[in-house]
Amino acid sequence: MQHNKILKIIKNIIINLIIFILGIIAIIAIWTSIQLNVQGKEYIDIFGYSIFSTETASMSPIIEIGDIVIVKIGEDVQEKDIITYKNDNSFITHRIIEIDGESIIAKGDNNNTQDKPIKKDAILGKVVFTINNVEIWKKVFSDMSVIIPIVITVVLFVILVCYKEKTGEKND
């Protein structure tokens, strides 16, 4: 009897955790969509941080194509910091190699040449964290033949657990 109560508590914790995580993901997705589509921002701002995906290997081997960088917006920067800055209509993530007053020179670790000098106000912020090897997961979770079975599985799991609780079925 005690065993069944423990299993029921564990099931409830797991279900609540799944619902909580899905809720947080939904809130972040909605907030991101509002910022980009309604407010017309060029980047998202979640509590002073932004997220970018790298498109080139200019910072290899530290940051590879498809890695995610988390940028602290407005962070004070120093030489050797990895920053994200705006250049024309794109955001670039490179390392600062020289600061001369208001002029900053950056360069990709894997590049042979320096970037054109930029002003400090072009800097969005400092890279504080990198999530590597994301490209494969982006490909997997952007494929509808993967997403649909995952959603169906989660929904069926929740229905099954709720059904068992209502009918009073016990796991022995």
N, C-alpha and C. Protein backbone atom coordinates (compact mmCIF):
# COMPACT_ATOMS: atom_id res chain seq x y z
N MET A 1 0.82 -1.19 0.00
CA MET A 1 0.00 0.00 0.00
C MET A 1 0.87 1.26 0.00
N GLN A 2 1.89 1.27 0.86
CA GLN A 2 2.80 2.41 0.95
C GLN A 2 3.51 2.61 -0.39
N HIS A 3 3.85 1.51 -1.04
CA HIS A 3 4.53 1.54 -2.33
C HIS A 3 3.68 2.27 -3.38
N ASN A 4 2.38 2.00 -3.39
CA ASN A 4 1.47 2.64 -4.34
C ASN A 4 1.37 4.15 -4.11
N LYS A 5 1.37 4.56 -2.85
CA LYS A 5 1.32 5.99 -2.53
C LYS A 5 2.57 6.70 -3.03
N ILE A 6 3.70 6.06 -2.84
CA ILE A 6 4.97 6.65 -3.29
C ILE A 6 4.97 6.77 -4.81
N LEU A 7 4.52 5.71 -5.50
CA LEU A 7 4.46 5.76 -6.97
C LEU A 7 3.52 6.86 -7.44
N LYS A 8 2.39 7.02 -6.77
CA LYS A 8 1.43 8.06 -7.14
C LYS A 8 2.04 9.45 -6.95
N ILE A 9 2.75 9.65 -5.85
CA ILE A 9 3.42 10.93 -5.60
C ILE A 9 4.47 11.20 -6.67
N ILE A 10 5.25 10.19 -7.01
CA ILE A 10 6.28 10.34 -8.04
C ILE A 10 5.64 10.67 -9.38
N LYS A 11 4.55 9.97 -9.74
CA LYS A 11 3.85 10.25 -10.99
C LYS A 11 3.35 11.69 -11.01
N ASN A 12 2.76 12.14 -9.92
CA ASN A 12 2.26 13.52 -9.85
C ASN A 12 3.39 14.54 -9.99
N ILE A 13 4.51 14.26 -9.35
CA ILE A 13 5.67 15.16 -9.47
C ILE A 13 6.14 15.21 -10.91
N ILE A 14 6.25 14.07 -11.56
CA ILE A 14 6.71 14.02 -12.95
C ILE A 14 5.74 14.77 -13.87
N ILE A 15 4.46 14.54 -13.71
CA ILE A 15 3.45 15.22 -14.54
C ILE A 15 3.51 16.72 -14.31
N ASN A 16 3.56 17.14 -13.05
CA ASN A 16 3.63 18.57 -12.75
C ASN A 16 4.91 19.19 -13.30
N LEU A 17 6.01 18.46 -13.24
CA LEU A 17 7.27 18.97 -13.78
C LEU A 17 7.18 19.13 -15.30
N ILE A 18 6.62 18.13 -15.98
CA ILE A 18 6.46 18.22 -17.44
C ILE A 18 5.57 19.40 -17.80
N ILE A 19 4.46 19.56 -17.10
CA ILE A 19 3.55 20.67 -17.39
C ILE A 19 4.24 22.00 -17.11
N PHE A 20 5.00 22.09 -16.02
CA PHE A 20 5.73 23.31 -15.68
C PHE A 20 6.74 23.67 -16.77
N ILE A 21 7.54 22.69 -17.18
CA ILE A 21 8.56 22.93 -18.21
C ILE A 21 7.91 23.35 -19.52
N LEU A 22 6.84 22.65 -19.93
CA LEU A 22 6.15 23.02 -21.16
C LEU A 22 5.55 24.41 -21.05
N GLY A 23 5.05 24.77 -19.86
CA GLY A 23 4.51 26.11 -19.65
C GLY A 23 5.58 27.18 -19.77
N ILE A 24 6.75 26.95 -19.18
CA ILE A 24 7.86 27.90 -19.28
C ILE A 24 8.29 28.06 -20.73
N ILE A 25 8.41 26.95 -21.44
CA ILE A 25 8.79 27.01 -22.86
C ILE A 25 7.76 27.80 -23.66
N ALA A 26 6.48 27.58 -23.38
CA ALA A 26 5.41 28.31 -24.08
C ALA A 26 5.48 29.81 -23.77
N ILE A 27 5.71 30.16 -22.52
CA ILE A 27 5.80 31.58 -22.15
C ILE A 27 6.99 32.24 -22.84
N ILE A 28 8.14 31.58 -22.85
CA ILE A 28 9.32 32.13 -23.52
C ILE A 28 9.07 32.27 -25.02
N ALA A 29 8.44 31.27 -25.63
CA ALA A 29 8.15 31.34 -27.07
C ALA A 29 7.20 32.49 -27.38
N ILE A 30 6.18 32.67 -26.55
CA ILE A 30 5.22 33.77 -26.76
C ILE A 30 5.92 35.11 -26.58
N TRP A 31 6.71 35.25 -25.51
CA TRP A 31 7.42 36.51 -25.25
C TRP A 31 8.40 36.82 -26.39
N THR A 32 9.10 35.82 -26.86
CA THR A 32 10.03 36.00 -27.98
C THR A 32 9.28 36.46 -29.23
N SER A 33 8.17 35.83 -29.52
CA SER A 33 7.37 36.18 -30.69
C SER A 33 6.86 37.62 -30.59
N ILE A 34 6.41 38.01 -29.41
CA ILE A 34 5.93 39.38 -29.22
C ILE A 34 7.06 40.38 -29.45
N GLN A 35 8.23 40.11 -28.89
CA GLN A 35 9.35 41.03 -29.04
C GLN A 35 9.78 41.17 -30.50
N LEU A 36 9.86 40.06 -31.20
CA LEU A 36 10.35 40.10 -32.58
C LEU A 36 9.30 40.57 -33.57
N ASN A 37 8.06 40.10 -33.42
CA ASN A 37 7.03 40.37 -34.42
C ASN A 37 6.15 41.58 -34.11
N VAL A 38 5.83 41.81 -32.85
CA VAL A 38 4.95 42.91 -32.50
C VAL A 38 5.75 44.18 -32.21
N GLN A 39 6.76 44.05 -31.35
CA GLN A 39 7.56 45.21 -31.00
C GLN A 39 8.61 45.55 -32.05
N GLY A 40 8.88 44.62 -32.96
CA GLY A 40 9.83 44.87 -34.04
C GLY A 40 11.28 44.90 -33.62
N LYS A 41 11.61 44.28 -32.50
CA LYS A 41 13.01 44.24 -32.05
C LYS A 41 13.82 43.33 -32.96
N GLU A 42 15.13 43.58 -33.00
CA GLU A 42 16.02 42.76 -33.81
C GLU A 42 16.57 41.56 -33.04
N TYR A 43 16.40 41.59 -31.73
CA TYR A 43 16.87 40.50 -30.89
C TYR A 43 15.95 40.41 -29.67
N ILE A 44 15.98 39.27 -29.01
CA ILE A 44 15.13 39.11 -27.84
C ILE A 44 15.87 39.59 -26.60
N ASP A 45 15.11 40.00 -25.59
CA ASP A 45 15.68 40.43 -24.32
C ASP A 45 14.88 39.76 -23.22
N ILE A 46 15.51 38.76 -22.60
CA ILE A 46 14.87 38.05 -21.50
C ILE A 46 15.71 38.31 -20.25
N PHE A 47 15.19 39.20 -19.41
CA PHE A 47 15.86 39.58 -18.16
C PHE A 47 17.30 40.04 -18.39
N GLY A 48 17.53 40.80 -19.46
CA GLY A 48 18.86 41.36 -19.73
C GLY A 48 19.79 40.43 -20.48
N TYR A 49 19.26 39.33 -21.00
CA TYR A 49 20.07 38.39 -21.78
C TYR A 49 19.42 38.17 -23.13
N SER A 50 20.25 37.86 -24.12
CA SER A 50 19.75 37.51 -25.43
C SER A 50 20.42 36.23 -25.89
N ILE A 51 19.83 35.61 -26.89
CA ILE A 51 20.32 34.33 -27.39
C ILE A 51 20.53 34.44 -28.90
N PHE A 52 21.68 33.95 -29.35
CA PHE A 52 21.98 33.95 -30.78
C PHE A 52 22.52 32.58 -31.19
N SER A 53 22.26 32.22 -32.42
CA SER A 53 22.83 31.02 -33.01
C SER A 53 23.95 31.46 -33.95
N THR A 54 25.08 30.78 -33.89
CA THR A 54 26.20 31.17 -34.75
C THR A 54 26.03 30.54 -36.13
N GLU A 55 26.36 31.32 -37.13
CA GLU A 55 26.15 30.90 -38.52
C GLU A 55 27.45 30.56 -39.24
N THR A 56 28.60 30.94 -38.65
CA THR A 56 29.89 30.68 -39.31
C THR A 56 30.85 30.04 -38.31
N ALA A 57 31.99 29.62 -38.82
CA ALA A 57 33.02 29.01 -37.98
C ALA A 57 34.11 30.02 -37.63
N SER A 58 33.79 31.31 -37.66
CA SER A 58 34.81 32.34 -37.42
C SER A 58 35.38 32.29 -36.01
N MET A 59 34.66 31.69 -35.05
CA MET A 59 35.16 31.60 -33.68
C MET A 59 35.58 30.18 -33.31
N SER A 60 35.73 29.32 -34.30
CA SER A 60 36.14 27.94 -34.08
C SER A 60 37.54 27.93 -33.47
N PRO A 61 37.85 27.07 -32.55
CA PRO A 61 37.09 25.94 -32.02
C PRO A 61 36.26 26.28 -30.78
N ILE A 62 36.31 27.52 -30.32
CA ILE A 62 35.55 27.89 -29.11
C ILE A 62 34.05 27.82 -29.37
N ILE A 63 33.61 28.42 -30.48
CA ILE A 63 32.19 28.44 -30.85
C ILE A 63 32.09 27.93 -32.29
N GLU A 64 31.30 26.89 -32.48
CA GLU A 64 31.16 26.28 -33.81
C GLU A 64 29.85 26.70 -34.46
N ILE A 65 29.69 26.37 -35.73
CA ILE A 65 28.47 26.67 -36.47
C ILE A 65 27.29 25.99 -35.76
N GLY A 66 26.23 26.77 -35.53
CA GLY A 66 25.03 26.24 -34.91
C GLY A 66 25.03 26.27 -33.39
N ASP A 67 26.16 26.59 -32.77
CA ASP A 67 26.18 26.71 -31.31
C ASP A 67 25.32 27.90 -30.90
N ILE A 68 24.83 27.86 -29.68
CA ILE A 68 24.02 28.94 -29.14
C ILE A 68 24.90 29.75 -28.18
N VAL A 69 24.89 31.09 -28.34
CA VAL A 69 25.60 31.94 -27.39
C VAL A 69 24.58 32.75 -26.61
N ILE A 70 24.81 32.84 -25.31
CA ILE A 70 23.96 33.66 -24.45
C ILE A 70 24.75 34.92 -24.14
N VAL A 71 24.12 36.05 -24.45
CA VAL A 71 24.79 37.35 -24.36
C VAL A 71 24.15 38.17 -23.25
N LYS A 72 24.99 38.68 -22.34
CA LYS A 72 24.53 39.62 -21.31
C LYS A 72 24.50 41.00 -21.96
N ILE A 73 23.30 41.55 -22.14
CA ILE A 73 23.13 42.81 -22.84
C ILE A 73 23.72 43.94 -22.02
N GLY A 74 24.51 44.80 -22.71
CA GLY A 74 25.06 45.99 -22.09
C GLY A 74 26.20 45.75 -21.13
N GLU A 75 26.74 44.59 -21.12
CA GLU A 75 27.83 44.25 -20.20
C GLU A 75 29.08 45.07 -20.54
N ASP A 76 29.81 45.53 -19.50
CA ASP A 76 31.09 46.19 -19.74
C ASP A 76 32.05 45.18 -20.35
N VAL A 77 32.81 45.64 -21.33
CA VAL A 77 33.68 44.71 -22.04
C VAL A 77 35.14 45.13 -21.92
N GLN A 78 36.00 44.13 -22.06
CA GLN A 78 37.44 44.34 -22.00
C GLN A 78 38.08 43.56 -23.14
N GLU A 79 39.37 43.84 -23.37
CA GLU A 79 40.10 43.07 -24.37
C GLU A 79 40.03 41.59 -24.02
N LYS A 80 39.96 40.76 -25.03
CA LYS A 80 39.86 39.29 -24.96
C LYS A 80 38.45 38.79 -24.65
N ASP A 81 37.51 39.69 -24.35
CA ASP A 81 36.12 39.26 -24.17
C ASP A 81 35.52 38.90 -25.52
N ILE A 82 34.64 37.91 -25.52
CA ILE A 82 33.87 37.58 -26.72
C ILE A 82 32.59 38.40 -26.64
N ILE A 83 32.32 39.15 -27.69
CA ILE A 83 31.17 40.05 -27.71
C ILE A 83 30.28 39.75 -28.91
N THR A 84 29.06 40.25 -28.84
CA THR A 84 28.17 40.24 -29.99
C THR A 84 27.87 41.69 -30.31
N TYR A 85 28.10 42.08 -31.56
CA TYR A 85 27.85 43.45 -31.96
C TYR A 85 27.09 43.48 -33.28
N LYS A 86 26.48 44.63 -33.52
CA LYS A 86 25.70 44.79 -34.75
C LYS A 86 26.55 45.43 -35.82
N ASN A 87 26.55 44.81 -36.99
CA ASN A 87 27.26 45.33 -38.16
C ASN A 87 26.28 45.29 -39.32
N ASP A 88 25.88 46.47 -39.79
CA ASP A 88 24.85 46.61 -40.81
C ASP A 88 23.58 45.91 -40.32
N ASN A 89 23.12 44.87 -40.99
CA ASN A 89 21.88 44.20 -40.60
C ASN A 89 22.10 42.84 -39.94
N SER A 90 23.32 42.59 -39.46
CA SER A 90 23.57 41.28 -38.83
C SER A 90 24.31 41.46 -37.52
N PHE A 91 24.22 40.42 -36.71
CA PHE A 91 24.94 40.40 -35.44
C PHE A 91 26.15 39.48 -35.59
N ILE A 92 27.28 39.95 -35.09
CA ILE A 92 28.53 39.21 -35.21
C ILE A 92 29.06 38.92 -33.80
N THR A 93 29.53 37.71 -33.62
CA THR A 93 30.13 37.32 -32.34
C THR A 93 31.61 37.05 -32.58
N HIS A 94 32.44 37.96 -32.06
CA HIS A 94 33.90 37.87 -32.19
C HIS A 94 34.56 38.30 -30.89
N ARG A 95 35.87 38.13 -30.83
CA ARG A 95 36.65 38.49 -29.65
C ARG A 95 37.25 39.88 -29.82
N ILE A 96 37.21 40.67 -28.75
CA ILE A 96 37.86 41.99 -28.76
C ILE A 96 39.37 41.78 -28.69
N ILE A 97 40.08 42.40 -29.65
CA ILE A 97 41.55 42.30 -29.61
C ILE A 97 42.19 43.63 -29.24
N GLU A 98 41.41 44.73 -29.37
CA GLU A 98 41.97 46.03 -29.00
C GLU A 98 40.86 47.03 -28.71
N ILE A 99 41.06 47.81 -27.64
CA ILE A 99 40.15 48.90 -27.32
C ILE A 99 40.96 50.19 -27.32
N ASP A 100 40.51 51.14 -28.11
CA ASP A 100 41.19 52.43 -28.20
C ASP A 100 40.14 53.53 -28.02
N GLY A 101 39.90 53.91 -26.77
CA GLY A 101 38.87 54.90 -26.48
C GLY A 101 37.49 54.35 -26.78
N GLU A 102 36.79 54.99 -27.71
CA GLU A 102 35.46 54.54 -28.11
C GLU A 102 35.51 53.57 -29.28
N SER A 103 36.68 53.32 -29.82
CA SER A 103 36.84 52.43 -30.97
C SER A 103 37.30 51.05 -30.50
N ILE A 104 36.65 50.04 -31.04
CA ILE A 104 36.97 48.67 -30.65
C ILE A 104 37.27 47.86 -31.92
N ILE A 105 38.31 47.05 -31.82
CA ILE A 105 38.64 46.15 -32.93
C ILE A 105 38.42 44.72 -32.45
N ALA A 106 37.65 43.99 -33.22
CA ALA A 106 37.35 42.60 -32.89
C ALA A 106 37.85 41.71 -34.02
N LYS A 107 37.94 40.42 -33.72
CA LYS A 107 38.40 39.47 -34.73
C LYS A 107 37.89 38.09 -34.33
N GLY A 108 37.48 37.33 -35.32
CA GLY A 108 37.13 35.94 -35.06
C GLY A 108 38.38 35.14 -34.79
N ASP A 109 38.35 34.24 -33.81
CA ASP A 109 39.54 33.44 -33.47
C ASP A 109 40.05 32.64 -34.67
N ASN A 110 39.16 32.27 -35.57
CA ASN A 110 39.51 31.44 -36.72
C ASN A 110 39.72 32.28 -37.99
N ASN A 111 39.67 33.61 -37.86
CA ASN A 111 39.84 34.50 -39.02
C ASN A 111 41.28 34.98 -39.12
N ASN A 112 41.72 35.28 -40.35
CA ASN A 112 43.06 35.81 -40.57
C ASN A 112 43.10 37.33 -40.44
N THR A 113 41.98 37.99 -40.62
CA THR A 113 41.96 39.45 -40.60
C THR A 113 41.05 39.97 -39.50
N GLN A 114 41.35 41.21 -39.09
CA GLN A 114 40.53 41.88 -38.09
C GLN A 114 39.26 42.41 -38.72
N ASP A 115 38.25 42.62 -37.89
CA ASP A 115 37.03 43.28 -38.35
C ASP A 115 37.31 44.78 -38.45
N LYS A 116 36.45 45.48 -39.17
CA LYS A 116 36.54 46.93 -39.20
C LYS A 116 36.30 47.46 -37.80
N PRO A 117 36.96 48.56 -37.42
CA PRO A 117 36.72 49.12 -36.08
C PRO A 117 35.24 49.46 -35.89
N ILE A 118 34.76 49.23 -34.67
CA ILE A 118 33.37 49.55 -34.34
C ILE A 118 33.35 50.49 -33.14
N LYS A 119 32.24 51.16 -32.95
CA LYS A 119 32.04 52.02 -31.78
C LYS A 119 31.47 51.17 -30.65
N LYS A 120 31.70 51.61 -29.43
CA LYS A 120 31.19 50.87 -28.27
C LYS A 120 29.68 50.71 -28.30
N ASP A 121 28.97 51.69 -28.86
CA ASP A 121 27.51 51.60 -28.87
C ASP A 121 26.99 50.57 -29.86
N ALA A 122 27.86 50.01 -30.70
CA ALA A 122 27.45 48.94 -31.62
C ALA A 122 27.43 47.59 -30.91
N ILE A 123 28.04 47.53 -29.73
CA ILE A 123 28.12 46.27 -28.99
C ILE A 123 26.80 46.01 -28.28
N LEU A 124 26.23 44.86 -28.54
CA LEU A 124 25.02 44.44 -27.84
C LEU A 124 25.38 43.97 -26.44
N GLY A 125 26.43 43.17 -26.32
CA GLY A 125 26.84 42.68 -25.01
C GLY A 125 27.94 41.64 -25.10
N LYS A 126 28.22 41.08 -23.95
CA LYS A 126 29.31 40.11 -23.78
C LYS A 126 28.74 38.70 -23.74
N VAL A 127 29.40 37.77 -24.43
CA VAL A 127 28.99 36.36 -24.40
C VAL A 127 29.37 35.81 -23.02
N VAL A 128 28.37 35.29 -22.31
CA VAL A 128 28.61 34.76 -20.97
C VAL A 128 28.50 33.24 -20.91
N PHE A 129 27.90 32.65 -21.94
CA PHE A 129 27.73 31.20 -21.93
C PHE A 129 27.53 30.71 -23.35
N THR A 130 28.06 29.54 -23.63
CA THR A 130 27.90 28.92 -24.94
C THR A 130 27.32 27.52 -24.77
N ILE A 131 26.32 27.21 -25.58
CA ILE A 131 25.75 25.87 -25.58
C ILE A 131 26.20 25.21 -26.88
N ASN A 132 27.07 24.23 -26.75
CA ASN A 132 27.66 23.59 -27.92
C ASN A 132 26.80 22.44 -28.44
N ASN A 133 27.06 22.06 -29.67
CA ASN A 133 26.43 20.90 -30.32
C ASN A 133 24.91 21.00 -30.39
N VAL A 134 24.40 22.17 -30.65
CA VAL A 134 22.96 22.37 -30.71
C VAL A 134 22.42 22.11 -32.11
N GLU A 135 23.25 22.22 -33.11
CA GLU A 135 22.81 22.12 -34.50
C GLU A 135 22.03 20.83 -34.77
N ILE A 136 22.52 19.71 -34.25
CA ILE A 136 21.84 18.44 -34.49
C ILE A 136 20.45 18.43 -33.85
N TRP A 137 20.33 19.03 -32.64
CA TRP A 137 19.03 19.07 -31.97
C TRP A 137 18.07 20.00 -32.68
N LYS A 138 18.60 21.09 -33.24
CA LYS A 138 17.74 21.99 -34.02
C LYS A 138 17.17 21.25 -35.23
N LYS A 139 18.00 20.46 -35.88
CA LYS A 139 17.54 19.70 -37.04
C LYS A 139 16.50 18.66 -36.63
N VAL A 140 16.75 17.98 -35.51
CA VAL A 140 15.83 16.94 -35.06
C VAL A 140 14.48 17.54 -34.70
N PHE A 141 14.50 18.62 -33.88
CA PHE A 141 13.24 19.16 -33.38
C PHE A 141 12.57 20.14 -34.34
N SER A 142 13.17 20.40 -35.49
CA SER A 142 12.47 21.19 -36.50
C SER A 142 11.84 20.28 -37.55
N ASP A 143 12.00 18.98 -37.39
CA ASP A 143 11.43 18.00 -38.30
C ASP A 143 10.07 17.55 -37.77
N MET A 144 9.03 17.81 -38.53
CA MET A 144 7.67 17.47 -38.09
C MET A 144 7.49 15.97 -37.86
N SER A 145 8.28 15.15 -38.55
CA SER A 145 8.16 13.71 -38.34
C SER A 145 8.71 13.30 -36.97
N VAL A 146 9.38 14.20 -36.28
CA VAL A 146 9.85 13.96 -34.91
C VAL A 146 8.92 14.64 -33.91
N ILE A 147 8.53 15.87 -34.21
CA ILE A 147 7.71 16.66 -33.27
C ILE A 147 6.35 16.01 -33.04
N ILE A 148 5.70 15.59 -34.09
CA ILE A 148 4.34 15.03 -33.95
C ILE A 148 4.33 13.78 -33.06
N PRO A 149 5.21 12.80 -33.25
CA PRO A 149 5.20 11.65 -32.34
C PRO A 149 5.52 12.02 -30.88
N ILE A 150 6.39 13.02 -30.68
CA ILE A 150 6.70 13.44 -29.31
C ILE A 150 5.47 14.04 -28.65
N VAL A 151 4.78 14.93 -29.35
CA VAL A 151 3.57 15.55 -28.80
C VAL A 151 2.51 14.49 -28.52
N ILE A 152 2.31 13.59 -29.46
CA ILE A 152 1.32 12.53 -29.27
C ILE A 152 1.68 11.67 -28.06
N THR A 153 2.95 11.32 -27.91
CA THR A 153 3.40 10.51 -26.78
C THR A 153 3.14 11.21 -25.45
N VAL A 154 3.49 12.50 -25.36
CA VAL A 154 3.27 13.24 -24.12
C VAL A 154 1.78 13.32 -23.80
N VAL A 155 0.95 13.64 -24.80
CA VAL A 155 -0.49 13.73 -24.58
C VAL A 155 -1.05 12.39 -24.13
N LEU A 156 -0.67 11.30 -24.80
CA LEU A 156 -1.16 9.97 -24.41
C LEU A 156 -0.70 9.58 -23.01
N PHE A 157 0.53 9.94 -22.65
CA PHE A 157 1.03 9.66 -21.31
C PHE A 157 0.19 10.37 -20.25
N VAL A 158 -0.08 11.65 -20.48
CA VAL A 158 -0.89 12.42 -19.53
C VAL A 158 -2.30 11.84 -19.44
N ILE A 159 -2.90 11.49 -20.58
CA ILE A 159 -4.25 10.90 -20.58
C ILE A 159 -4.25 9.57 -19.83
N LEU A 160 -3.25 8.73 -20.08
CA LEU A 160 -3.16 7.44 -19.41
C LEU A 160 -3.04 7.60 -17.90
N VAL A 161 -2.19 8.49 -17.45
CA VAL A 161 -2.01 8.70 -16.01
C VAL A 161 -3.30 9.24 -15.39
N CYS A 162 -3.92 10.20 -16.06
CA CYS A 162 -5.18 10.75 -15.54
C CYS A 162 -6.27 9.68 -15.51
N TYR A 163 -6.34 8.84 -16.53
CA TYR A 163 -7.33 7.77 -16.60
C TYR A 163 -7.13 6.78 -15.45
N LYS A 164 -5.87 6.41 -15.20
CA LYS A 164 -5.58 5.46 -14.13
C LYS A 164 -5.97 6.03 -12.78
N GLU A 165 -5.73 7.32 -12.59
CA GLU A 165 -6.08 7.95 -11.32
C GLU A 165 -7.59 7.99 -11.13
N LYS A 166 -8.35 8.28 -12.19
CA LYS A 166 -9.80 8.36 -12.09
C LYS A 166 -10.45 7.00 -11.88
N THR A 167 -9.90 5.98 -12.52
CA THR A 167 -10.49 4.65 -12.40
C THR A 167 -9.98 3.93 -11.16
N GLY A 168 -8.96 4.49 -10.53
CA GLY A 168 -8.44 3.89 -9.30
C GLY A 168 -7.56 2.68 -9.57
N GLU A 169 -7.07 2.53 -10.80
CA GLU A 169 -6.18 1.41 -11.11
C GLU A 169 -4.92 1.52 -10.29
N LYS A 170 -4.41 0.41 -9.90
CA LYS A 170 -3.20 0.40 -9.10
C LYS A 170 -2.10 -0.31 -9.87
N ASN A 171 -0.90 0.21 -9.69
CA ASN A 171 0.27 -0.45 -10.29
C ASN A 171 0.87 -1.41 -9.28
N ASP A 172 0.89 -2.67 -9.60
CA ASP A 172 1.44 -3.67 -8.68
C ASP A 172 2.78 -4.15 -9.16
